[in-house]
Amino acid sequence: MALAQQLRSESDFEQLPDDVAISANIADIEEKRGFTSHFVFVIEVKTKGGSKYLIYRRYRQFYALQSKLEERFGPESKSSPFTCSLPTLPAKVYVGVKQEIAETRIPALNAYMKNLLSLPVCVLMDPDLRIFFYQSAYDAEQVPQALRRLRPRTRKMREFQREDITLNYQDAEGDLVRLLSDEDVGLMVRQAQGLPSQKRLFTWKLHVTQKDNYSVYNTVP
């Protein structure tokens, strides 16, 4: 029994080879220049074995893959005993700015790849689908430009007004001392001058705390 047929009958995900793609997301688009300019989708692929890599695909390659899969697995297929409902590929666009067209296609293509890689394992073992998600030598040689969509979200920091915070320094005992005036700064400097020379590389550490937070101070005599 052929491997693809065995996988189809047993529906056993664990039997898939480790190099089979199980998820894919578009990380960015990049313009490629030649006789004519065109945009490619930079796609991060994850395999069953845990590998991650980038591939570069044009829309026409998505379209060619979809045509082959419809011929092989679509409802009207006569070449395969197994058929299934294939995801819908975004339609061709003939008029418009190339970059804008590529950008607007990203959500739909991500959904397309997610649904495609959720199909039965016999489809995942299809040679054309595997080649599409395989990292070729050309893919491996490319240097990505930005990968905007792979950047982690910036953590939103709490904002404080200037009057809500205060500056402190850490004394020789490790306690925080609030700086309220120039006299406190002078005291900080004099204390640092009294330290042994080998400890004066970093004579003090400044700490910013909330003005109404007194729990950071040592109140034990």
N, C-alpha and C. Protein backbone atom coordinates (compact mmCIF):
# COMPACT_ATOMS: atom_id res chain seq x y z
N MET A 1 0.85 -1.20 0.00
CA MET A 1 0.00 0.00 0.00
C MET A 1 0.89 1.24 0.00
N ALA A 2 0.59 2.19 -0.87
CA ALA A 2 1.37 3.42 -0.94
C ALA A 2 1.23 4.19 0.36
N LEU A 3 2.29 4.97 0.70
CA LEU A 3 2.29 5.70 1.97
C LEU A 3 1.11 6.66 2.06
N ALA A 4 0.86 7.42 0.98
CA ALA A 4 -0.24 8.39 1.01
C ALA A 4 -1.58 7.69 1.23
N GLN A 5 -1.78 6.53 0.57
CA GLN A 5 -3.04 5.80 0.73
C GLN A 5 -3.17 5.24 2.13
N GLN A 6 -2.06 4.76 2.69
CA GLN A 6 -2.08 4.24 4.05
C GLN A 6 -2.43 5.34 5.05
N LEU A 7 -1.82 6.52 4.87
CA LEU A 7 -2.12 7.64 5.75
C LEU A 7 -3.58 8.05 5.63
N ARG A 8 -4.10 8.04 4.40
CA ARG A 8 -5.48 8.44 4.20
C ARG A 8 -6.43 7.49 4.91
N SER A 9 -6.16 6.20 4.81
CA SER A 9 -7.08 5.23 5.40
C SER A 9 -7.00 5.24 6.92
N GLU A 10 -5.82 5.47 7.46
CA GLU A 10 -5.66 5.44 8.91
C GLU A 10 -5.84 6.81 9.55
N SER A 11 -5.77 7.87 8.72
CA SER A 11 -5.89 9.25 9.23
C SER A 11 -5.00 9.45 10.44
N ASP A 12 -3.78 9.00 10.34
CA ASP A 12 -2.87 9.03 11.48
C ASP A 12 -1.84 10.13 11.27
N PHE A 13 -2.04 11.25 11.95
CA PHE A 13 -1.12 12.37 11.81
C PHE A 13 0.29 12.00 12.23
N GLU A 14 0.41 11.12 13.21
CA GLU A 14 1.73 10.77 13.73
C GLU A 14 2.59 10.06 12.70
N GLN A 15 1.99 9.52 11.67
CA GLN A 15 2.77 8.82 10.65
C GLN A 15 3.35 9.77 9.61
N LEU A 16 2.96 11.03 9.67
CA LEU A 16 3.51 11.98 8.71
C LEU A 16 5.02 12.14 8.92
N PRO A 17 5.79 12.27 7.85
CA PRO A 17 7.23 12.55 8.00
C PRO A 17 7.44 13.88 8.70
N ASP A 18 8.58 14.02 9.35
CA ASP A 18 8.85 15.24 10.11
C ASP A 18 9.00 16.47 9.24
N ASP A 19 9.30 16.29 7.95
CA ASP A 19 9.52 17.46 7.09
C ASP A 19 8.25 17.95 6.40
N VAL A 20 7.10 17.40 6.77
CA VAL A 20 5.83 17.86 6.18
C VAL A 20 5.39 19.16 6.85
N ALA A 21 5.01 20.14 6.03
CA ALA A 21 4.55 21.43 6.56
C ALA A 21 3.21 21.26 7.27
N ILE A 22 3.09 21.87 8.45
CA ILE A 22 1.83 21.80 9.19
C ILE A 22 1.25 23.19 9.45
N SER A 23 2.04 24.25 9.26
CA SER A 23 1.51 25.61 9.38
C SER A 23 2.37 26.55 8.55
N ALA A 24 1.75 27.64 8.10
CA ALA A 24 2.47 28.62 7.29
C ALA A 24 1.79 29.97 7.44
N ASN A 25 2.60 31.01 7.61
CA ASN A 25 2.09 32.37 7.75
C ASN A 25 2.97 33.34 6.99
N ILE A 26 2.35 34.33 6.38
CA ILE A 26 3.09 35.32 5.62
C ILE A 26 3.76 36.30 6.58
N ALA A 27 5.09 36.40 6.48
CA ALA A 27 5.85 37.28 7.35
C ALA A 27 6.03 38.67 6.76
N ASP A 28 5.98 38.76 5.43
CA ASP A 28 6.19 40.06 4.78
C ASP A 28 5.96 39.89 3.28
N ILE A 29 5.98 41.00 2.57
CA ILE A 29 6.05 40.97 1.11
C ILE A 29 7.31 41.70 0.69
N GLU A 30 7.89 41.28 -0.42
CA GLU A 30 9.11 41.93 -0.92
C GLU A 30 9.00 42.12 -2.42
N GLU A 31 9.53 43.22 -2.89
CA GLU A 31 9.54 43.50 -4.32
C GLU A 31 10.78 42.88 -4.95
N LYS A 32 10.59 42.17 -6.03
CA LYS A 32 11.69 41.60 -6.79
C LYS A 32 11.72 42.28 -8.16
N ARG A 33 12.91 42.67 -8.57
CA ARG A 33 13.06 43.39 -9.83
C ARG A 33 13.82 42.54 -10.85
N GLY A 34 13.35 42.59 -12.06
CA GLY A 34 13.98 41.91 -13.18
C GLY A 34 13.60 42.65 -14.44
N PHE A 35 13.14 41.92 -15.47
CA PHE A 35 12.60 42.59 -16.64
C PHE A 35 11.36 43.39 -16.26
N THR A 36 10.60 42.83 -15.31
CA THR A 36 9.47 43.54 -14.71
C THR A 36 9.54 43.34 -13.21
N SER A 37 8.96 44.25 -12.47
CA SER A 37 8.96 44.10 -11.01
C SER A 37 7.72 43.34 -10.57
N HIS A 38 7.86 42.59 -9.51
CA HIS A 38 6.73 41.87 -8.95
C HIS A 38 6.96 41.69 -7.45
N PHE A 39 5.91 41.32 -6.74
CA PHE A 39 6.01 41.13 -5.30
C PHE A 39 5.88 39.65 -4.96
N VAL A 40 6.68 39.24 -4.00
CA VAL A 40 6.60 37.86 -3.51
C VAL A 40 6.18 37.89 -2.05
N PHE A 41 5.57 36.81 -1.62
CA PHE A 41 5.17 36.66 -0.23
C PHE A 41 6.26 35.87 0.50
N VAL A 42 6.77 36.45 1.58
CA VAL A 42 7.77 35.76 2.41
C VAL A 42 6.98 34.98 3.46
N ILE A 43 7.10 33.66 3.43
CA ILE A 43 6.25 32.80 4.24
C ILE A 43 7.10 32.01 5.24
N GLU A 44 6.71 32.07 6.50
CA GLU A 44 7.37 31.24 7.51
C GLU A 44 6.62 29.91 7.59
N VAL A 45 7.35 28.83 7.36
CA VAL A 45 6.77 27.49 7.37
C VAL A 45 7.26 26.74 8.61
N LYS A 46 6.35 26.02 9.25
CA LYS A 46 6.70 25.16 10.38
C LYS A 46 6.36 23.72 9.99
N THR A 47 7.27 22.81 10.30
CA THR A 47 7.07 21.42 9.95
C THR A 47 6.66 20.59 11.16
N LYS A 48 6.20 19.39 10.89
CA LYS A 48 5.79 18.49 11.97
C LYS A 48 6.95 18.21 12.92
N GLY A 49 8.17 18.19 12.39
CA GLY A 49 9.33 17.92 13.22
C GLY A 49 9.82 19.10 14.02
N GLY A 50 9.18 20.27 13.86
CA GLY A 50 9.54 21.45 14.64
C GLY A 50 10.45 22.44 13.93
N SER A 51 10.84 22.15 12.69
CA SER A 51 11.69 23.07 11.96
C SER A 51 10.91 24.30 11.50
N LYS A 52 11.63 25.41 11.35
CA LYS A 52 11.06 26.64 10.81
C LYS A 52 11.99 27.17 9.72
N TYR A 53 11.40 27.66 8.65
CA TYR A 53 12.20 28.26 7.59
C TYR A 53 11.32 29.18 6.77
N LEU A 54 11.97 29.96 5.90
CA LEU A 54 11.26 30.91 5.06
C LEU A 54 11.26 30.44 3.61
N ILE A 55 10.13 30.65 2.95
CA ILE A 55 10.04 30.41 1.51
C ILE A 55 9.48 31.67 0.85
N TYR A 56 9.72 31.81 -0.44
CA TYR A 56 9.31 32.99 -1.19
C TYR A 56 8.43 32.55 -2.35
N ARG A 57 7.17 33.00 -2.35
CA ARG A 57 6.23 32.54 -3.36
C ARG A 57 5.45 33.71 -3.97
N ARG A 58 5.25 33.63 -5.28
CA ARG A 58 4.40 34.59 -5.98
C ARG A 58 2.96 34.09 -5.97
N TYR A 59 2.05 35.00 -6.25
CA TYR A 59 0.64 34.60 -6.31
C TYR A 59 0.43 33.55 -7.38
N ARG A 60 1.14 33.67 -8.50
CA ARG A 60 0.95 32.72 -9.60
C ARG A 60 1.30 31.29 -9.16
N GLN A 61 2.21 31.16 -8.18
CA GLN A 61 2.55 29.83 -7.67
C GLN A 61 1.42 29.27 -6.80
N PHE A 62 0.77 30.15 -6.03
CA PHE A 62 -0.43 29.73 -5.31
C PHE A 62 -1.48 29.24 -6.30
N TYR A 63 -1.66 30.00 -7.36
CA TYR A 63 -2.70 29.69 -8.35
C TYR A 63 -2.40 28.35 -9.04
N ALA A 64 -1.13 28.12 -9.38
CA ALA A 64 -0.75 26.87 -10.03
C ALA A 64 -0.98 25.68 -9.09
N LEU A 65 -0.65 25.86 -7.81
CA LEU A 65 -0.87 24.79 -6.84
C LEU A 65 -2.35 24.48 -6.71
N GLN A 66 -3.17 25.52 -6.60
CA GLN A 66 -4.61 25.32 -6.46
C GLN A 66 -5.18 24.57 -7.66
N SER A 67 -4.72 24.91 -8.85
CA SER A 67 -5.21 24.25 -10.06
C SER A 67 -4.88 22.76 -10.04
N LYS A 68 -3.67 22.42 -9.61
CA LYS A 68 -3.27 21.01 -9.56
C LYS A 68 -4.06 20.25 -8.50
N LEU A 69 -4.29 20.89 -7.35
CA LEU A 69 -5.03 20.22 -6.28
C LEU A 69 -6.49 20.02 -6.68
N GLU A 70 -7.08 20.99 -7.37
CA GLU A 70 -8.46 20.84 -7.83
C GLU A 70 -8.58 19.71 -8.84
N GLU A 71 -7.58 19.60 -9.70
CA GLU A 71 -7.58 18.52 -10.69
C GLU A 71 -7.46 17.16 -10.03
N ARG A 72 -6.72 17.13 -8.92
CA ARG A 72 -6.45 15.85 -8.26
C ARG A 72 -7.47 15.50 -7.19
N PHE A 73 -7.91 16.51 -6.41
CA PHE A 73 -8.77 16.22 -5.25
C PHE A 73 -10.12 16.93 -5.29
N GLY A 74 -10.35 17.79 -6.26
CA GLY A 74 -11.61 18.52 -6.33
C GLY A 74 -12.80 17.62 -6.60
N PRO A 75 -14.02 18.11 -6.38
CA PRO A 75 -15.23 17.30 -6.56
C PRO A 75 -15.36 16.71 -7.96
N GLU A 76 -14.80 17.38 -8.97
CA GLU A 76 -14.91 16.91 -10.35
C GLU A 76 -13.73 16.04 -10.77
N SER A 77 -12.85 15.73 -9.82
CA SER A 77 -11.65 14.98 -10.15
C SER A 77 -11.99 13.56 -10.60
N LYS A 78 -11.31 13.12 -11.65
CA LYS A 78 -11.47 11.76 -12.14
C LYS A 78 -10.17 10.96 -12.02
N SER A 79 -9.14 11.64 -11.48
CA SER A 79 -7.83 10.99 -11.40
C SER A 79 -7.53 10.43 -10.02
N SER A 80 -8.40 10.69 -9.03
CA SER A 80 -8.13 10.22 -7.68
C SER A 80 -9.40 9.66 -7.06
N PRO A 81 -9.28 8.54 -6.33
CA PRO A 81 -10.47 7.98 -5.67
C PRO A 81 -10.90 8.81 -4.47
N PHE A 82 -10.05 9.74 -4.05
CA PHE A 82 -10.37 10.56 -2.88
C PHE A 82 -10.57 12.00 -3.31
N THR A 83 -11.68 12.58 -2.89
CA THR A 83 -11.94 14.00 -3.16
C THR A 83 -12.27 14.69 -1.85
N CYS A 84 -12.09 16.01 -1.83
CA CYS A 84 -12.40 16.78 -0.63
C CYS A 84 -12.73 18.21 -1.03
N SER A 85 -13.23 18.96 -0.08
CA SER A 85 -13.56 20.36 -0.32
C SER A 85 -12.31 21.19 -0.09
N LEU A 86 -11.77 21.75 -1.15
CA LEU A 86 -10.55 22.53 -1.06
C LEU A 86 -10.86 23.97 -0.66
N PRO A 87 -9.94 24.63 0.06
CA PRO A 87 -10.17 26.04 0.40
C PRO A 87 -10.17 26.91 -0.84
N THR A 88 -10.79 28.07 -0.72
CA THR A 88 -10.90 28.99 -1.85
C THR A 88 -9.70 29.92 -1.89
N LEU A 89 -9.08 30.00 -3.05
CA LEU A 89 -7.94 30.89 -3.24
C LEU A 89 -8.45 32.28 -3.64
N PRO A 90 -7.86 33.35 -3.09
CA PRO A 90 -8.26 34.70 -3.51
C PRO A 90 -8.16 34.85 -5.02
N ALA A 91 -9.12 35.52 -5.60
CA ALA A 91 -9.18 35.64 -7.06
C ALA A 91 -8.06 36.52 -7.60
N LYS A 92 -7.78 36.35 -8.88
CA LYS A 92 -6.79 37.19 -9.54
C LYS A 92 -7.30 38.63 -9.61
N VAL A 93 -6.35 39.56 -9.54
CA VAL A 93 -6.66 40.99 -9.69
C VAL A 93 -5.82 41.51 -10.84
N TYR A 94 -6.47 42.11 -11.81
CA TYR A 94 -5.77 42.52 -13.02
C TYR A 94 -5.42 44.00 -13.05
N VAL A 95 -6.10 44.80 -12.24
CA VAL A 95 -5.88 46.25 -12.25
C VAL A 95 -5.62 46.73 -10.83
N GLY A 96 -4.58 47.56 -10.66
CA GLY A 96 -4.30 48.13 -9.35
C GLY A 96 -2.80 48.25 -9.11
N VAL A 97 -2.45 48.86 -7.99
CA VAL A 97 -1.05 49.00 -7.60
C VAL A 97 -0.57 47.66 -7.03
N LYS A 98 0.53 47.16 -7.56
CA LYS A 98 0.99 45.81 -7.21
C LYS A 98 1.20 45.63 -5.71
N GLN A 99 1.84 46.60 -5.08
CA GLN A 99 2.10 46.47 -3.64
C GLN A 99 0.81 46.44 -2.84
N GLU A 100 -0.13 47.30 -3.20
CA GLU A 100 -1.41 47.32 -2.48
C GLU A 100 -2.17 46.02 -2.68
N ILE A 101 -2.11 45.48 -3.89
CA ILE A 101 -2.78 44.20 -4.15
C ILE A 101 -2.18 43.10 -3.28
N ALA A 102 -0.84 43.07 -3.22
CA ALA A 102 -0.16 42.04 -2.41
C ALA A 102 -0.51 42.19 -0.93
N GLU A 103 -0.51 43.42 -0.44
CA GLU A 103 -0.82 43.65 0.98
C GLU A 103 -2.23 43.19 1.32
N THR A 104 -3.18 43.51 0.46
CA THR A 104 -4.58 43.16 0.75
C THR A 104 -4.82 41.66 0.64
N ARG A 105 -3.96 40.95 -0.05
CA ARG A 105 -4.12 39.50 -0.20
C ARG A 105 -3.64 38.72 1.03
N ILE A 106 -2.84 39.34 1.87
CA ILE A 106 -2.19 38.61 2.97
C ILE A 106 -3.19 37.89 3.87
N PRO A 107 -4.22 38.55 4.41
CA PRO A 107 -5.15 37.82 5.31
C PRO A 107 -5.81 36.63 4.63
N ALA A 108 -6.24 36.82 3.37
CA ALA A 108 -6.92 35.73 2.66
C ALA A 108 -5.96 34.58 2.36
N LEU A 109 -4.72 34.89 2.01
CA LEU A 109 -3.75 33.83 1.73
C LEU A 109 -3.35 33.09 3.01
N ASN A 110 -3.27 33.81 4.12
CA ASN A 110 -3.00 33.13 5.40
C ASN A 110 -4.12 32.16 5.74
N ALA A 111 -5.36 32.60 5.54
CA ALA A 111 -6.50 31.72 5.80
C ALA A 111 -6.49 30.53 4.84
N TYR A 112 -6.12 30.79 3.59
CA TYR A 112 -6.05 29.72 2.59
C TYR A 112 -5.04 28.65 3.01
N MET A 113 -3.83 29.08 3.42
CA MET A 113 -2.80 28.12 3.81
C MET A 113 -3.19 27.37 5.08
N LYS A 114 -3.82 28.06 6.02
CA LYS A 114 -4.26 27.40 7.25
C LYS A 114 -5.26 26.30 6.94
N ASN A 115 -6.23 26.60 6.08
CA ASN A 115 -7.24 25.60 5.72
C ASN A 115 -6.64 24.48 4.87
N LEU A 116 -5.69 24.85 4.02
CA LEU A 116 -5.05 23.86 3.16
C LEU A 116 -4.28 22.83 3.99
N LEU A 117 -3.56 23.31 5.00
CA LEU A 117 -2.75 22.42 5.83
C LEU A 117 -3.57 21.73 6.91
N SER A 118 -4.88 21.97 6.91
CA SER A 118 -5.78 21.26 7.82
C SER A 118 -6.53 20.14 7.12
N LEU A 119 -6.24 19.94 5.84
CA LEU A 119 -6.91 18.89 5.07
C LEU A 119 -6.37 17.52 5.47
N PRO A 120 -7.05 16.45 5.05
CA PRO A 120 -6.58 15.09 5.39
C PRO A 120 -5.12 14.86 5.00
N VAL A 121 -4.50 13.95 5.70
CA VAL A 121 -3.06 13.74 5.54
C VAL A 121 -2.68 13.30 4.13
N CYS A 122 -3.58 12.67 3.42
CA CYS A 122 -3.23 12.26 2.06
C CYS A 122 -3.03 13.48 1.16
N VAL A 123 -3.72 14.57 1.47
CA VAL A 123 -3.50 15.81 0.71
C VAL A 123 -2.17 16.42 1.11
N LEU A 124 -1.85 16.38 2.40
CA LEU A 124 -0.57 16.92 2.86
C LEU A 124 0.61 16.17 2.24
N MET A 125 0.38 14.92 1.86
CA MET A 125 1.45 14.13 1.24
C MET A 125 1.52 14.32 -0.27
N ASP A 126 0.63 15.14 -0.82
CA ASP A 126 0.65 15.36 -2.27
C ASP A 126 1.99 15.98 -2.68
N PRO A 127 2.62 15.46 -3.72
CA PRO A 127 3.96 15.95 -4.12
C PRO A 127 3.99 17.44 -4.44
N ASP A 128 2.97 17.93 -5.15
CA ASP A 128 2.97 19.35 -5.51
C ASP A 128 2.81 20.24 -4.29
N LEU A 129 1.98 19.82 -3.34
CA LEU A 129 1.82 20.61 -2.12
C LEU A 129 3.10 20.60 -1.31
N ARG A 130 3.75 19.45 -1.23
CA ARG A 130 5.00 19.36 -0.47
C ARG A 130 6.10 20.21 -1.11
N ILE A 131 6.16 20.21 -2.43
CA ILE A 131 7.16 21.03 -3.12
C ILE A 131 6.89 22.51 -2.89
N PHE A 132 5.62 22.89 -2.88
CA PHE A 132 5.26 24.30 -2.68
C PHE A 132 5.80 24.80 -1.34
N PHE A 133 5.67 24.00 -0.29
CA PHE A 133 6.10 24.42 1.05
C PHE A 133 7.53 24.01 1.38
N TYR A 134 8.22 23.41 0.42
CA TYR A 134 9.61 22.99 0.64
C TYR A 134 10.54 24.17 0.44
N GLN A 135 11.56 24.28 1.27
CA GLN A 135 12.54 25.36 1.12
C GLN A 135 13.58 24.96 0.07
N SER A 136 13.51 25.61 -1.07
CA SER A 136 14.44 25.33 -2.15
C SER A 136 15.79 25.99 -1.87
N ALA A 137 16.76 25.68 -2.71
CA ALA A 137 18.07 26.33 -2.58
C ALA A 137 17.94 27.83 -2.78
N TYR A 138 17.07 28.23 -3.71
CA TYR A 138 16.83 29.66 -3.93
C TYR A 138 16.27 30.31 -2.67
N ASP A 139 15.29 29.67 -2.05
CA ASP A 139 14.70 30.22 -0.82
C ASP A 139 15.76 30.39 0.26
N ALA A 140 16.61 29.38 0.42
CA ALA A 140 17.61 29.41 1.48
C ALA A 140 18.65 30.51 1.27
N GLU A 141 18.87 30.90 0.02
CA GLU A 141 19.88 31.93 -0.28
C GLU A 141 19.36 33.35 -0.04
N GLN A 142 18.05 33.51 0.05
CA GLN A 142 17.48 34.85 0.19
C GLN A 142 17.72 35.41 1.59
N VAL A 143 17.91 36.72 1.65
CA VAL A 143 18.07 37.42 2.92
C VAL A 143 16.82 38.28 3.13
N PRO A 144 15.99 37.95 4.11
CA PRO A 144 14.75 38.72 4.31
C PRO A 144 15.04 40.16 4.68
N GLN A 145 14.16 41.05 4.25
CA GLN A 145 14.37 42.48 4.46
C GLN A 145 13.84 42.98 5.79
N ALA A 146 12.65 42.57 6.16
CA ALA A 146 12.05 43.15 7.38
C ALA A 146 11.31 42.13 8.24
N LEU A 147 10.51 41.27 7.62
CA LEU A 147 9.67 40.31 8.36
C LEU A 147 8.77 41.06 9.34
N ARG A 148 8.07 42.06 8.82
CA ARG A 148 7.25 42.91 9.69
C ARG A 148 6.23 42.15 10.51
N ARG A 149 5.66 41.10 9.92
CA ARG A 149 4.57 40.40 10.60
C ARG A 149 5.06 39.33 11.57
N LEU A 150 6.37 39.17 11.69
CA LEU A 150 6.91 38.23 12.67
C LEU A 150 7.42 38.95 13.91
N ARG A 151 7.43 40.29 13.88
CA ARG A 151 7.91 41.03 15.04
C ARG A 151 6.95 40.87 16.20
N PRO A 152 7.47 40.59 17.40
CA PRO A 152 6.57 40.49 18.55
C PRO A 152 5.92 41.82 18.85
N ARG A 153 4.72 41.78 19.35
CA ARG A 153 4.04 43.01 19.72
C ARG A 153 4.77 43.71 20.85
N THR A 154 4.89 45.02 20.72
CA THR A 154 5.55 45.80 21.75
C THR A 154 4.68 45.83 23.00
N ARG A 155 5.29 45.51 24.11
CA ARG A 155 4.54 45.52 25.36
C ARG A 155 4.14 46.94 25.72
N LYS A 156 2.89 47.13 26.03
CA LYS A 156 2.41 48.46 26.38
C LYS A 156 2.83 48.79 27.80
N MET A 157 3.61 49.84 27.95
CA MET A 157 4.11 50.24 29.25
C MET A 157 3.18 51.26 29.89
N ARG A 158 3.08 51.19 31.20
CA ARG A 158 2.29 52.16 31.92
C ARG A 158 3.01 53.50 31.91
N GLU A 159 2.28 54.56 31.64
CA GLU A 159 2.87 55.89 31.58
C GLU A 159 2.63 56.62 32.90
N PHE A 160 3.68 57.32 33.35
CA PHE A 160 3.58 58.12 34.57
C PHE A 160 3.88 59.57 34.24
N GLN A 161 3.18 60.46 34.91
CA GLN A 161 3.50 61.88 34.79
C GLN A 161 4.75 62.18 35.62
N ARG A 162 5.43 63.25 35.28
CA ARG A 162 6.68 63.59 35.96
C ARG A 162 6.47 63.79 37.46
N GLU A 163 5.32 64.36 37.81
CA GLU A 163 5.07 64.62 39.23
C GLU A 163 4.72 63.36 40.01
N ASP A 164 4.54 62.23 39.30
CA ASP A 164 4.18 60.98 39.98
C ASP A 164 5.38 60.13 40.34
N ILE A 165 6.58 60.52 39.91
CA ILE A 165 7.76 59.70 40.15
C ILE A 165 8.80 60.48 40.94
N THR A 166 9.75 59.74 41.51
CA THR A 166 10.83 60.37 42.26
C THR A 166 12.12 59.60 42.03
N LEU A 167 13.24 60.29 42.24
CA LEU A 167 14.56 59.70 42.00
C LEU A 167 15.20 59.33 43.33
N ASN A 168 15.83 58.16 43.36
CA ASN A 168 16.48 57.65 44.57
C ASN A 168 17.88 57.16 44.21
N TYR A 169 18.73 57.07 45.25
CA TYR A 169 20.01 56.40 45.05
C TYR A 169 20.15 55.31 46.10
N GLN A 170 21.00 54.34 45.80
CA GLN A 170 21.21 53.21 46.69
C GLN A 170 22.49 53.43 47.48
N ASP A 171 22.39 53.44 48.82
CA ASP A 171 23.57 53.71 49.63
C ASP A 171 24.42 52.46 49.80
N ALA A 172 25.49 52.58 50.59
CA ALA A 172 26.45 51.48 50.76
C ALA A 172 25.81 50.25 51.37
N GLU A 173 24.75 50.42 52.16
CA GLU A 173 24.06 49.29 52.79
C GLU A 173 23.01 48.67 51.87
N GLY A 174 22.81 49.27 50.71
CA GLY A 174 21.84 48.73 49.78
C GLY A 174 20.45 49.32 49.91
N ASP A 175 20.29 50.31 50.79
CA ASP A 175 18.97 50.92 50.99
C ASP A 175 18.78 52.08 50.02
N LEU A 176 17.53 52.32 49.64
CA LEU A 176 17.21 53.44 48.77
C LEU A 176 17.03 54.71 49.60
N VAL A 177 17.61 55.80 49.08
CA VAL A 177 17.49 57.11 49.72
C VAL A 177 16.88 58.07 48.69
N ARG A 178 15.77 58.70 49.06
CA ARG A 178 15.09 59.59 48.13
C ARG A 178 15.85 60.90 48.00
N LEU A 179 16.02 61.35 46.75
CA LEU A 179 16.69 62.62 46.48
C LEU A 179 15.64 63.72 46.42
N LEU A 180 15.63 64.57 47.45
CA LEU A 180 14.63 65.63 47.53
C LEU A 180 15.20 67.00 47.19
N SER A 181 16.53 67.15 47.30
CA SER A 181 17.13 68.46 47.09
C SER A 181 18.58 68.30 46.66
N ASP A 182 19.24 69.43 46.37
CA ASP A 182 20.65 69.41 46.02
C ASP A 182 21.51 68.92 47.19
N GLU A 183 21.04 69.14 48.41
CA GLU A 183 21.78 68.67 49.58
C GLU A 183 21.85 67.15 49.60
N ASP A 184 20.76 66.50 49.18
CA ASP A 184 20.75 65.04 49.13
C ASP A 184 21.74 64.53 48.08
N VAL A 185 21.85 65.25 46.96
CA VAL A 185 22.81 64.87 45.93
C VAL A 185 24.23 65.01 46.46
N GLY A 186 24.50 66.10 47.21
CA GLY A 186 25.81 66.30 47.81
C GLY A 186 26.15 65.19 48.78
N LEU A 187 25.16 64.76 49.57
CA LEU A 187 25.38 63.67 50.51
C LEU A 187 25.71 62.38 49.77
N MET A 188 25.02 62.14 48.68
CA MET A 188 25.27 60.94 47.88
C MET A 188 26.71 60.93 47.37
N VAL A 189 27.19 62.09 46.90
CA VAL A 189 28.55 62.18 46.37
C VAL A 189 29.58 61.97 47.48
N ARG A 190 29.34 62.58 48.65
CA ARG A 190 30.30 62.45 49.76
C ARG A 190 30.38 61.00 50.24
N GLN A 191 29.25 60.33 50.28
CA GLN A 191 29.27 58.92 50.70
C GLN A 191 30.06 58.07 49.71
N ALA A 192 29.92 58.37 48.42
CA ALA A 192 30.65 57.61 47.41
C ALA A 192 32.15 57.84 47.53
N GLN A 193 32.54 59.07 47.87
CA GLN A 193 33.97 59.38 48.01
C GLN A 193 34.60 58.64 49.18
N GLY A 194 33.79 58.25 50.13
CA GLY A 194 34.31 57.54 51.29
C GLY A 194 34.47 56.05 51.07
N LEU A 195 34.02 55.55 49.93
CA LEU A 195 34.13 54.13 49.65
C LEU A 195 35.54 53.78 49.19
N PRO A 196 36.01 52.54 49.43
CA PRO A 196 37.33 52.11 48.92
C PRO A 196 37.39 52.29 47.41
N SER A 197 38.57 52.59 46.90
CA SER A 197 38.73 52.94 45.49
C SER A 197 38.26 51.84 44.55
N GLN A 198 38.46 50.54 44.93
CA GLN A 198 38.06 49.46 44.04
C GLN A 198 36.54 49.35 43.92
N LYS A 199 35.82 49.99 44.81
CA LYS A 199 34.36 49.93 44.75
C LYS A 199 33.76 51.18 44.11
N ARG A 200 34.60 52.05 43.61
CA ARG A 200 34.09 53.31 43.10
C ARG A 200 33.97 53.33 41.57
N LEU A 201 34.05 52.15 40.96
CA LEU A 201 33.82 52.09 39.53
C LEU A 201 32.38 52.48 39.22
N PHE A 202 31.45 51.97 40.04
CA PHE A 202 30.05 52.35 39.95
C PHE A 202 29.67 52.86 41.35
N THR A 203 29.84 54.13 41.55
CA THR A 203 29.73 54.67 42.90
C THR A 203 28.32 54.65 43.45
N TRP A 204 27.32 54.71 42.60
CA TRP A 204 25.95 54.63 43.08
C TRP A 204 25.03 54.18 41.95
N LYS A 205 23.88 53.73 42.35
CA LYS A 205 22.85 53.34 41.39
C LYS A 205 21.63 54.20 41.63
N LEU A 206 21.11 54.76 40.56
CA LEU A 206 19.91 55.58 40.66
C LEU A 206 18.68 54.72 40.35
N HIS A 207 17.61 54.96 41.08
CA HIS A 207 16.38 54.21 40.92
C HIS A 207 15.20 55.17 40.83
N VAL A 208 14.32 54.92 39.89
CA VAL A 208 13.09 55.71 39.76
C VAL A 208 11.95 54.91 40.36
N THR A 209 11.22 55.52 41.28
CA THR A 209 10.08 54.85 41.91
C THR A 209 8.87 55.78 41.89
N GLN A 210 7.70 55.21 42.17
CA GLN A 210 6.51 56.04 42.29
C GLN A 210 6.60 56.89 43.55
N LYS A 211 6.17 58.12 43.42
CA LYS A 211 6.33 59.09 44.50
C LYS A 211 5.60 58.67 45.77
N ASP A 212 4.45 58.03 45.62
CA ASP A 212 3.66 57.67 46.79
C ASP A 212 3.91 56.23 47.26
N ASN A 213 4.95 55.59 46.72
CA ASN A 213 5.27 54.22 47.12
C ASN A 213 6.43 54.25 48.12
N TYR A 214 6.11 54.12 49.41
CA TYR A 214 7.13 54.17 50.45
C TYR A 214 7.58 52.78 50.89
N SER A 215 7.01 51.76 50.28
CA SER A 215 7.36 50.39 50.68
C SER A 215 8.76 50.00 50.22
N VAL A 216 9.36 50.79 49.31
CA VAL A 216 10.70 50.45 48.81
C VAL A 216 11.80 50.90 49.76
N TYR A 217 11.43 51.65 50.80
CA TYR A 217 12.44 52.19 51.70
C TYR A 217 12.54 51.34 52.97
N ASN A 218 13.77 51.27 53.49
CA ASN A 218 14.01 50.55 54.74
C ASN A 218 13.70 51.49 55.91
N THR A 219 12.68 51.17 56.66
CA THR A 219 12.27 52.03 57.78
C THR A 219 12.72 51.48 59.13
N VAL A 220 13.49 50.37 59.08
CA VAL A 220 13.98 49.79 60.33
C VAL A 220 15.19 50.58 60.81
N PRO A 221 15.21 51.06 62.08
CA PRO A 221 16.34 51.86 62.59
C PRO A 221 17.65 51.07 62.55
